Amino acid sequence: MRASLLLGLVGVTIGCGGFHQVASDDLAIPPADAGTDGPTTNGLTDAGVLLDGSHGDLASRIAQAPPDSPCAQRDYWTTVGRQTCQDRRVFAVESAILDPATVSLAISQSGHVGIVYRSMEDPDETDLHVAHFDRSQVVSNMPLQPTISTHPSSTIGERVGVASAIAGGQNDQLHVAYLIDAEWAKGLYYQTLATGGFDSATGELVEDNLSASGEVSIGVAPSGNVFVTNFNPVVGEIHSHERMGGTWAPQQIVASSLDATYGTGKMAMTMDPNLPRVAYYEHTTLPLSKPVFDEFDGTNWSMPQTVDNFSLGGTTQCGMSPGLAIFGTWKYVSYLVSVSDSAAQIEVGSWQDDLDVPSHSIVVDSIAYNKAQPLTRTSLAVDSFGLLHLMAFVQNDLGGGTVEYHRQTVIQGTTAWIADIVDDLTDTNDPSDPNYALVSIAVDENDRPHLAYYNSGTGTINYATRFDR
């Protein structure tokens, strides 16, 4: 069992190379059936959701949330014949997928679910795939039959979908941003699709002269305006692009002076509600690393806000694989923090105003860590009650790790983190070549979570949900 971290009402912890404030909390009550192999909670309550009356409407709303409980020990969502959690299911989406690069899930206004990733036909030829289906088609104990729409490579030497992201739009429309890497050109492209598939054969060029190792995020405003951000390692910058009325405005620079260290520029975007907010991992040549939040005011990007203290001297890595969620005036960012050369933890930073110093909660600790290439990933969402939902791949030192679904619930008047293991990817045959997962989560207007992940051990894109929401 990963060790729980028990703190008093106020404390400090050494996270990203410096001291930072840990949120006040009451200790969570662990499930009675918690065992040595299940996920643990450490009871650290996010400062934004304490039920102490100090946060007004948010506290009242959380108090109305339905009860929740974790699965029993070893009752993973993929366990056959499990005794609990029959209403939580995993469905195969597409098999024989090698190195999808990224996995991103989104839901349209009408409930059209889309999952975007790449399919490698050859090291020099990849296709972009979007698996999509209506959420009403998902039936417990029945195979999922999604539509697979593709943007294929046009020739050997063209790799489509080197990085990609998807966002839900109006009605059944989904919006996709993706990178194409070819020997003759490298560019950022945009496409839409509905239940019938892609709306065009080629997509729109958003930015060219890019690198094959960039990152992408996308968001859609209720007005229909589309926002895309991408990291360009060639110039060490994060760029933003806005599409209004079918026309792309001149790009803007969100961040600069970033290096090409593994994980740099990974980002998450959410709309609030008409303008984009982004969280990204900043690593510079100093070396310095930290999770950063930034917001667009309709004309310019603001001064970036540091979510957690930076690491100076390269002794730790702070802020990798950020997730982002916003509820009212509250901002939440999840990220990975290394605490030693072999251990890390997942934290969530939270704050309201630009001048606030974010508070930090440790959601998962005692994670195996490889500084050269950390495999742990996070994705964050929030429901209509203001409770957070965190999906993570948690690396272990046995040859892989576990896909986990953490979320907040109310226990004796205080929010606490509980968790399920969705899938176990551990393969002890060759720990030197561990399995890994790429993860993405969204929560719909009915507070139902939708999870997507790639299982490298089976080469399968999977979708998971629960039927009691």
Foldseek 3Di string as FASTA:
>chain_A
DFDADEDAQWDWDCFAADIDTAHGFDADDWDPQDDDPWATFNGRFFNQAWLPCPNPPLNVLQVPDDFDDEFGPPPAQPDPPGDDQLQWHKAFQDFPAACQQAWEWEAAPAQKIWIWTWGDPDPQWIKIWIWIDHPVQDDRPDHDDTDIAIQGDPDGQKHWALEKYKYYYYDFKIKMWGWIGGPVWIFIFIWMAGRVHTPDNPGHTDGIPADSPKYKEKYAANVGKIKMWMAGQVFAWIKMWIADPNDIDDIDTQDGQAHDAPQFFHKYWQPPHGWIKMWGWGAHPQGKIFIWIWTDPPDGIDDIDTQDDIHGPPQKHYFGQWAWEDDVQKIKIWGWTAPHQFWIFIKIWMDGDRPDRTHIDTGHTGFTAHVRHGQKHWYWYAAPSRKIWIWMFTHHQQAEGFTKIWIWHADPSTITIDMHTNDGLGDNPCSVHHWHKHKYWYADNVRKIWIWMATNNRRTIMIMTGDPD
